[in-house]
Amino acid sequence: MHESEPEAVKDAVGCEVGCVPPFGRSMLLPAYTDQELTKAEYAWFNLGGHHKSIRIRSWDLKKLCQPVAIAAQAGL
């Protein structure tokens, strides 16, 4: 896994960095989450734009996306 350039992200998924929804499976992309976020009751994310956010129970998001939980590293 590596950090992508903003232009590459937009070209790949059609959204700017910070707006890519967590539903990677629908885009045939793997989904990853910080393992600490799975402990929270809710998760918030943008769905394709910077101006609207969606709240979902973390458990429901986990069921929908089936993300790989990773330990986030500083600087990523």
PDB file of N, CA and C in Angstrom:
ATOM      1  N   MET A   1       0.857  -1.157   0.000  1.00  0.00           N
ATOM      2  CA  MET A   1       0.000   0.000   0.000  1.00  0.00           C
ATOM      3  C   MET A   1       0.905   1.222   0.000  1.00  0.00           C
ATOM      4  N   HIS A   2       0.461   2.257  -0.735  1.00  0.00           N
ATOM      5  CA  HIS A   2       1.220   3.494  -0.770  1.00  0.00           C
ATOM      6  C   HIS A   2       0.276   4.674  -0.964  1.00  0.00           C
ATOM      7  N   GLU A   3       0.760   5.837  -0.648  1.00  0.00           N
ATOM      8  CA  GLU A   3      -0.017   7.050  -0.827  1.00  0.00           C
ATOM      9  C   GLU A   3      -0.023   7.417  -2.305  1.00  0.00           C
ATOM     10  N   SER A   4      -1.182   7.762  -2.830  1.00  0.00           N
ATOM     11  CA  SER A   4      -1.302   8.110  -4.239  1.00  0.00           C
ATOM     12  C   SER A   4      -1.347   9.619  -4.415  1.00  0.00           C
ATOM     13  N   GLU A   5      -0.955  10.059  -5.576  1.00  0.00           N
ATOM     14  CA  GLU A   5      -1.056  11.469  -5.917  1.00  0.00           C
ATOM     15  C   GLU A   5      -2.537  11.822  -6.084  1.00  0.00           C
ATOM     16  N   PRO A   6      -2.948  13.040  -5.689  1.00  0.00           N
ATOM     17  CA  PRO A   6      -4.363  13.431  -5.808  1.00  0.00           C
ATOM     18  C   PRO A   6      -4.935  13.256  -7.213  1.00  0.00           C
ATOM     19  N   GLU A   7      -4.155  13.548  -8.228  1.00  0.00           N
ATOM     20  CA  GLU A   7      -4.646  13.409  -9.602  1.00  0.00           C
ATOM     21  C   GLU A   7      -4.926  11.949  -9.945  1.00  0.00           C
ATOM     22  N   ALA A   8      -4.074  11.053  -9.455  1.00  0.00           N
ATOM     23  CA  ALA A   8      -4.257   9.629  -9.716  1.00  0.00           C
ATOM     24  C   ALA A   8      -5.519   9.110  -9.042  1.00  0.00           C
ATOM     25  N   VAL A   9      -5.807   9.609  -7.839  1.00  0.00           N
ATOM     26  CA  VAL A   9      -7.022   9.209  -7.130  1.00  0.00           C
ATOM     27  C   VAL A   9      -8.255   9.646  -7.921  1.00  0.00           C
ATOM     28  N   LYS A  10      -8.265  10.916  -8.327  1.00  0.00           N
ATOM     29  CA  LYS A  10      -9.420  11.426  -9.072  1.00  0.00           C
ATOM     30  C   LYS A  10      -9.609  10.675 -10.389  1.00  0.00           C
ATOM     31  N   ASP A  11      -8.513  10.371 -11.078  1.00  0.00           N
ATOM     32  CA  ASP A  11      -8.609   9.614 -12.326  1.00  0.00           C
ATOM     33  C   ASP A  11      -9.160   8.209 -12.087  1.00  0.00           C
ATOM     34  N   ALA A  12      -8.764   7.582 -10.980  1.00  0.00           N
ATOM     35  CA  ALA A  12      -9.154   6.197 -10.710  1.00  0.00           C
ATOM     36  C   ALA A  12     -10.601   6.059 -10.256  1.00  0.00           C
ATOM     37  N   VAL A  13     -11.071   6.986  -9.402  1.00  0.00           N
ATOM     38  CA  VAL A  13     -12.397   6.811  -8.810  1.00  0.00           C
ATOM     39  C   VAL A  13     -13.367   7.956  -9.084  1.00  0.00           C
ATOM     40  N   GLY A  14     -12.893   9.029  -9.705  1.00  0.00           N
ATOM     41  CA  GLY A  14     -13.775  10.144 -10.041  1.00  0.00           C
ATOM     42  C   GLY A  14     -14.079  11.079  -8.896  1.00  0.00           C
ATOM     43  N   CYS A  15     -13.358  10.962  -7.791  1.00  0.00           N
ATOM     44  CA  CYS A  15     -13.568  11.822  -6.625  1.00  0.00           C
ATOM     45  C   CYS A  15     -12.229  12.392  -6.168  1.00  0.00           C
ATOM     46  N   GLU A  16     -12.284  13.584  -5.570  1.00  0.00           N
ATOM     47  CA  GLU A  16     -11.078  14.169  -5.008  1.00  0.00           C
ATOM     48  C   GLU A  16     -10.691  13.445  -3.714  1.00  0.00           C
ATOM     49  N   VAL A  17      -9.411  13.547  -3.355  1.00  0.00           N
ATOM     50  CA  VAL A  17      -8.940  13.011  -2.083  1.00  0.00           C
ATOM     51  C   VAL A  17      -9.771  13.644  -0.966  1.00  0.00           C
ATOM     52  N   GLY A  18     -10.201  12.842  -0.020  1.00  0.00           N
ATOM     53  CA  GLY A  18     -11.042  13.315   1.065  1.00  0.00           C
ATOM     54  C   GLY A  18     -12.523  13.128   0.797  1.00  0.00           C
ATOM     55  N   CYS A  19     -12.860  12.743  -0.422  1.00  0.00           N
ATOM     56  CA  CYS A  19     -14.266  12.540  -0.795  1.00  0.00           C
ATOM     57  C   CYS A  19     -14.539  11.132  -1.294  1.00  0.00           C
ATOM     58  N   VAL A  20     -13.532  10.308  -1.336  1.00  0.00           N
ATOM     59  CA  VAL A  20     -13.707   8.954  -1.852  1.00  0.00           C
ATOM     60  C   VAL A  20     -14.528   8.156  -0.836  1.00  0.00           C
ATOM     61  N   PRO A  21     -15.682   7.649  -1.236  1.00  0.00           N
ATOM     62  CA  PRO A  21     -16.495   6.886  -0.299  1.00  0.00           C
ATOM     63  C   PRO A  21     -15.807   5.577   0.078  1.00  0.00           C
ATOM     64  N   PRO A  22     -16.166   5.020   1.218  1.00  0.00           N
ATOM     65  CA  PRO A  22     -15.499   3.801   1.684  1.00  0.00           C
ATOM     66  C   PRO A  22     -15.968   2.526   0.999  1.00  0.00           C
ATOM     67  N   PHE A  23     -16.799   2.643   0.011  1.00  0.00           N
ATOM     68  CA  PHE A  23     -17.356   1.460  -0.635  1.00  0.00           C
ATOM     69  C   PHE A  23     -16.483   1.006  -1.791  1.00  0.00           C
ATOM     70  N   GLY A  24     -15.269   0.600  -1.504  1.00  0.00           N
ATOM     71  CA  GLY A  24     -14.324   0.177  -2.529  1.00  0.00           C
ATOM     72  C   GLY A  24     -14.779  -1.025  -3.327  1.00  0.00           C
ATOM     73  N   ARG A  25     -15.570  -1.882  -2.717  1.00  0.00           N
ATOM     74  CA  ARG A  25     -16.016  -3.094  -3.422  1.00  0.00           C
ATOM     75  C   ARG A  25     -16.829  -2.749  -4.662  1.00  0.00           C
ATOM     76  N   SER A  26     -17.614  -1.657  -4.597  1.00  0.00           N
ATOM     77  CA  SER A  26     -18.406  -1.278  -5.766  1.00  0.00           C
ATOM     78  C   SER A  26     -17.525  -0.754  -6.894  1.00  0.00           C
ATOM     79  N   MET A  27     -16.305  -0.324  -6.554  1.00  0.00           N
ATOM     80  CA  MET A  27     -15.356   0.172  -7.557  1.00  0.00           C
ATOM     81  C   MET A  27     -14.262  -0.854  -7.836  1.00  0.00           C
ATOM     82  N   LEU A  28     -14.448  -2.058  -7.305  1.00  0.00           N
ATOM     83  CA  LEU A  28     -13.450  -3.126  -7.431  1.00  0.00           C
ATOM     84  C   LEU A  28     -12.119  -2.728  -6.812  1.00  0.00           C
ATOM     85  N   LEU A  29     -12.180  -1.952  -5.730  1.00  0.00           N
ATOM     86  CA  LEU A  29     -10.989  -1.550  -4.979  1.00  0.00           C
ATOM     87  C   LEU A  29     -11.082  -2.137  -3.575  1.00  0.00           C
ATOM     88  N   PRO A  30      -9.960  -2.520  -3.001  1.00  0.00           N
ATOM     89  CA  PRO A  30     -10.006  -2.987  -1.614  1.00  0.00           C
ATOM     90  C   PRO A  30     -10.293  -1.812  -0.682  1.00  0.00           C
ATOM     91  N   ALA A  31     -10.957  -2.074   0.425  1.00  0.00           N
ATOM     92  CA  ALA A  31     -11.236  -1.052   1.429  1.00  0.00           C
ATOM     93  C   ALA A  31     -10.361  -1.316   2.648  1.00  0.00           C
ATOM     94  N   TYR A  32      -9.805  -0.253   3.192  1.00  0.00           N
ATOM     95  CA  TYR A  32      -8.971  -0.338   4.384  1.00  0.00           C
ATOM     96  C   TYR A  32      -9.524   0.609   5.430  1.00  0.00           C
ATOM     97  N   THR A  33      -9.340   0.262   6.697  1.00  0.00           N
ATOM     98  CA  THR A  33      -9.735   1.147   7.785  1.00  0.00           C
ATOM     99  C   THR A  33      -8.697   1.067   8.890  1.00  0.00           C
ATOM    100  N   ASP A  34      -8.536   2.164   9.580  1.00  0.00           N
ATOM    101  CA  ASP A  34      -7.678   2.180  10.766  1.00  0.00           C
ATOM    102  C   ASP A  34      -8.367   1.318  11.814  1.00  0.00           C
ATOM    103  N   GLN A  35      -7.658   0.389  12.395  1.00  0.00           N
ATOM    104  CA  GLN A  35      -8.277  -0.517  13.358  1.00  0.00           C
ATOM    105  C   GLN A  35      -8.873   0.229  14.551  1.00  0.00           C
ATOM    106  N   GLU A  36      -8.385   1.423  14.859  1.00  0.00           N
ATOM    107  CA  GLU A  36      -8.946   2.208  15.958  1.00  0.00           C
ATOM    108  C   GLU A  36     -10.351   2.707  15.615  1.00  0.00           C
ATOM    109  N   LEU A  37     -10.618   2.963  14.338  1.00  0.00           N
ATOM    110  CA  LEU A  37     -11.934   3.453  13.941  1.00  0.00           C
ATOM    111  C   LEU A  37     -13.016   2.409  14.129  1.00  0.00           C
ATOM    112  N   THR A  38     -12.646   1.152  14.101  1.00  0.00           N
ATOM    113  CA  THR A  38     -13.645   0.101  14.272  1.00  0.00           C
ATOM    114  C   THR A  38     -14.174   0.046  15.704  1.00  0.00           C
ATOM    115  N   LYS A  39     -13.490   0.723  16.624  1.00  0.00           N
ATOM    116  CA  LYS A  39     -13.923   0.755  18.022  1.00  0.00           C
ATOM    117  C   LYS A  39     -14.954   1.848  18.288  1.00  0.00           C
ATOM    118  N   ALA A  40     -15.071   2.805  17.381  1.00  0.00           N
ATOM    119  CA  ALA A  40     -16.016   3.905  17.544  1.00  0.00           C
ATOM    120  C   ALA A  40     -17.432   3.434  17.242  1.00  0.00           C
ATOM    121  N   GLU A  41     -18.419   4.085  17.852  1.00  0.00           N
ATOM    122  CA  GLU A  41     -19.810   3.704  17.587  1.00  0.00           C
ATOM    123  C   GLU A  41     -20.229   4.113  16.170  1.00  0.00           C
ATOM    124  N   TYR A  42     -19.779   5.273  15.740  1.00  0.00           N
ATOM    125  CA  TYR A  42     -20.148   5.781  14.415  1.00  0.00           C
ATOM    126  C   TYR A  42     -18.915   6.132  13.603  1.00  0.00           C
ATOM    127  N   ALA A  43     -19.083   6.100  12.302  1.00  0.00           N
ATOM    128  CA  ALA A  43     -18.063   6.578  11.365  1.00  0.00           C
ATOM    129  C   ALA A  43     -18.722   7.640  10.488  1.00  0.00           C
ATOM    130  N   TRP A  44     -17.976   8.651  10.144  1.00  0.00           N
ATOM    131  CA  TRP A  44     -18.436   9.710   9.253  1.00  0.00           C
ATOM    132  C   TRP A  44     -17.568   9.682   8.012  1.00  0.00           C
ATOM    133  N   PHE A  45     -18.164   9.924   6.856  1.00  0.00           N
ATOM    134  CA  PHE A  45     -17.370  10.004   5.629  1.00  0.00           C
ATOM    135  C   PHE A  45     -18.095  10.863   4.611  1.00  0.00           C
ATOM    136  N   ASN A  46     -17.328  11.367   3.670  1.00  0.00           N
ATOM    137  CA  ASN A  46     -17.893  12.133   2.563  1.00  0.00           C
ATOM    138  C   ASN A  46     -18.222  11.159   1.449  1.00  0.00           C
ATOM    139  N   LEU A  47     -19.245  11.485   0.718  1.00  0.00           N
ATOM    140  CA  LEU A  47     -19.698  10.598  -0.348  1.00  0.00           C
ATOM    141  C   LEU A  47     -19.581  11.311  -1.694  1.00  0.00           C
ATOM    142  N   GLY A  48     -18.342  11.521  -2.118  1.00  0.00           N
ATOM    143  CA  GLY A  48     -18.103  12.101  -3.431  1.00  0.00           C
ATOM    144  C   GLY A  48     -17.938  13.603  -3.466  1.00  0.00           C
ATOM    145  N   GLY A  49     -18.147  14.303  -2.360  1.00  0.00           N
ATOM    146  CA  GLY A  49     -17.984  15.755  -2.318  1.00  0.00           C
ATOM    147  C   GLY A  49     -17.532  16.205  -0.938  1.00  0.00           C
ATOM    148  N   HIS A  50     -16.973  17.404  -0.870  1.00  0.00           N
ATOM    149  CA  HIS A  50     -16.437  17.912   0.401  1.00  0.00           C
ATOM    150  C   HIS A  50     -17.501  18.534   1.308  1.00  0.00           C
ATOM    151  N   HIS A  51     -18.717  18.713   0.827  1.00  0.00           N
ATOM    152  CA  HIS A  51     -19.687  19.522   1.561  1.00  0.00           C
ATOM    153  C   HIS A  51     -20.804  18.746   2.247  1.00  0.00           C
ATOM    154  N   LYS A  52     -20.852  17.452   2.062  1.00  0.00           N
ATOM    155  CA  LYS A  52     -21.874  16.648   2.726  1.00  0.00           C
ATOM    156  C   LYS A  52     -21.235  15.388   3.276  1.00  0.00           C
ATOM    157  N   SER A  53     -21.583  15.073   4.525  1.00  0.00           N
ATOM    158  CA  SER A  53     -21.047  13.879   5.174  1.00  0.00           C
ATOM    159  C   SER A  53     -22.186  12.954   5.561  1.00  0.00           C
ATOM    160  N   ILE A  54     -21.860  11.705   5.709  1.00  0.00           N
ATOM    161  CA  ILE A  54     -22.823  10.676   6.096  1.00  0.00           C
ATOM    162  C   ILE A  54     -22.325  10.018   7.376  1.00  0.00           C
ATOM    163  N   ARG A  55     -23.250   9.764   8.288  1.00  0.00           N
ATOM    164  CA  ARG A  55     -22.922   9.047   9.523  1.00  0.00           C
ATOM    165  C   ARG A  55     -23.510   7.655   9.414  1.00  0.00           C
ATOM    166  N   ILE A  56     -22.712   6.667   9.795  1.00  0.00           N
ATOM    167  CA  ILE A  56     -23.153   5.280   9.770  1.00  0.00           C
ATOM    168  C   ILE A  56     -22.565   4.572  10.990  1.00  0.00           C
ATOM    169  N   ARG A  57     -23.291   3.624  11.507  1.00  0.00           N
ATOM    170  CA  ARG A  57     -22.728   2.842  12.624  1.00  0.00           C
ATOM    171  C   ARG A  57     -21.499   2.088  12.110  1.00  0.00           C
ATOM    172  N   SER A  58     -20.462   2.106  12.882  1.00  0.00           N
ATOM    173  CA  SER A  58     -19.218   1.457  12.463  1.00  0.00           C
ATOM    174  C   SER A  58     -19.445  -0.009  12.115  1.00  0.00           C
ATOM    175  N   TRP A  59     -20.298  -0.670  12.889  1.00  0.00           N
ATOM    176  CA  TRP A  59     -20.570  -2.087  12.626  1.00  0.00           C
ATOM    177  C   TRP A  59     -21.225  -2.270  11.256  1.00  0.00           C
ATOM    178  N   ASP A  60     -22.161  -1.394  10.903  1.00  0.00           N
ATOM    179  CA  ASP A  60     -22.822  -1.486   9.610  1.00  0.00           C
ATOM    180  C   ASP A  60     -21.841  -1.215   8.469  1.00  0.00           C
ATOM    181  N   LEU A  61     -20.974  -0.243   8.664  1.00  0.00           N
ATOM    182  CA  LEU A  61     -19.966   0.055   7.651  1.00  0.00           C
ATOM    183  C   LEU A  61     -19.040  -1.145   7.449  1.00  0.00           C
ATOM    184  N   LYS A  62     -18.686  -1.783   8.552  1.00  0.00           N
ATOM    185  CA  LYS A  62     -17.833  -2.967   8.469  1.00  0.00           C
ATOM    186  C   LYS A  62     -18.524  -4.083   7.687  1.00  0.00           C
ATOM    187  N   LYS A  63     -19.811  -4.289   7.923  1.00  0.00           N
ATOM    188  CA  LYS A  63     -20.555  -5.322   7.199  1.00  0.00           C
ATOM    189  C   LYS A  63     -20.654  -4.997   5.702  1.00  0.00           C
ATOM    190  N   LEU A  64     -20.892  -3.735   5.384  1.00  0.00           N
ATOM    191  CA  LEU A  64     -21.052  -3.336   3.990  1.00  0.00           C
ATOM    192  C   LEU A  64     -19.752  -3.388   3.201  1.00  0.00           C
ATOM    193  N   CYS A  65     -18.681  -2.886   3.805  1.00  0.00           N
ATOM    194  CA  CYS A  65     -17.419  -2.718   3.070  1.00  0.00           C
ATOM    195  C   CYS A  65     -16.446  -3.868   3.239  1.00  0.00           C
ATOM    196  N   GLN A  66     -16.573  -4.588   4.331  1.00  0.00           N
ATOM    197  CA  GLN A  66     -15.626  -5.643   4.667  1.00  0.00           C
ATOM    198  C   GLN A  66     -14.187  -5.152   4.515  1.00  0.00           C
ATOM    199  N   PRO A  67     -13.854  -4.038   5.212  1.00  0.00           N
ATOM    200  CA  PRO A  67     -12.509  -3.489   5.064  1.00  0.00           C
ATOM    201  C   PRO A  67     -11.456  -4.312   5.787  1.00  0.00           C
ATOM    202  N   VAL A  68     -10.243  -4.166   5.332  1.00  0.00           N
ATOM    203  CA  VAL A  68      -9.095  -4.751   6.005  1.00  0.00           C
ATOM    204  C   VAL A  68      -8.668  -3.741   7.071  1.00  0.00           C
ATOM    205  N   ALA A  69      -8.650  -4.157   8.342  1.00  0.00           N
ATOM    206  CA  ALA A  69      -8.237  -3.262   9.424  1.00  0.00           C
ATOM    207  C   ALA A  69      -6.722  -3.231   9.496  1.00  0.00           C
ATOM    208  N   ILE A  70      -6.171  -2.022   9.500  1.00  0.00           N
ATOM    209  CA  ILE A  70      -4.731  -1.856   9.575  1.00  0.00           C
ATOM    210  C   ILE A  70      -4.396  -0.872  10.694  1.00  0.00           C
ATOM    211  N   ALA A  71      -3.173  -0.919  11.168  1.00  0.00           N
ATOM    212  CA  ALA A  71      -2.701   0.074  12.127  1.00  0.00           C
ATOM    213  C   ALA A  71      -2.184   1.257  11.325  1.00  0.00           C
ATOM    214  N   ALA A  72      -2.860   2.390  11.454  1.00  0.00           N
ATOM    215  CA  ALA A  72      -2.444   3.576  10.695  1.00  0.00           C
ATOM    216  C   ALA A  72      -1.072   4.039  11.179  1.00  0.00           C
ATOM    217  N   GLN A  73      -0.294   4.520  10.233  1.00  0.00           N
ATOM    218  CA  GLN A  73       1.042   5.015  10.537  1.00  0.00           C
ATOM    219  C   GLN A  73       1.072   6.517  10.356  1.00  0.00           C
ATOM    220  N   ALA A  74       1.799   7.198  11.203  1.00  0.00           N
ATOM    221  CA  ALA A  74       1.958   8.648  11.053  1.00  0.00           C
ATOM    222  C   ALA A  74       2.621   8.929   9.722  1.00  0.00           C
ATOM    223  N   GLY A  75       2.136   9.955   9.060  1.00  0.00           N
ATOM    224  CA  GLY A  75       2.740  10.340   7.795  1.00  0.00           C
ATOM    225  C   GLY A  75       2.077   9.745   6.573  1.00  0.00           C
ATOM    226  N   LEU A  76       1.122   8.838   6.746  1.00  0.00           N
ATOM    227  CA  LEU A  76       0.417   8.290   5.576  1.00  0.00           C
ATOM    228  C   LEU A  76      -0.754   9.140   5.236  1.00  0.00           C
TER     229      LEU A  76
END
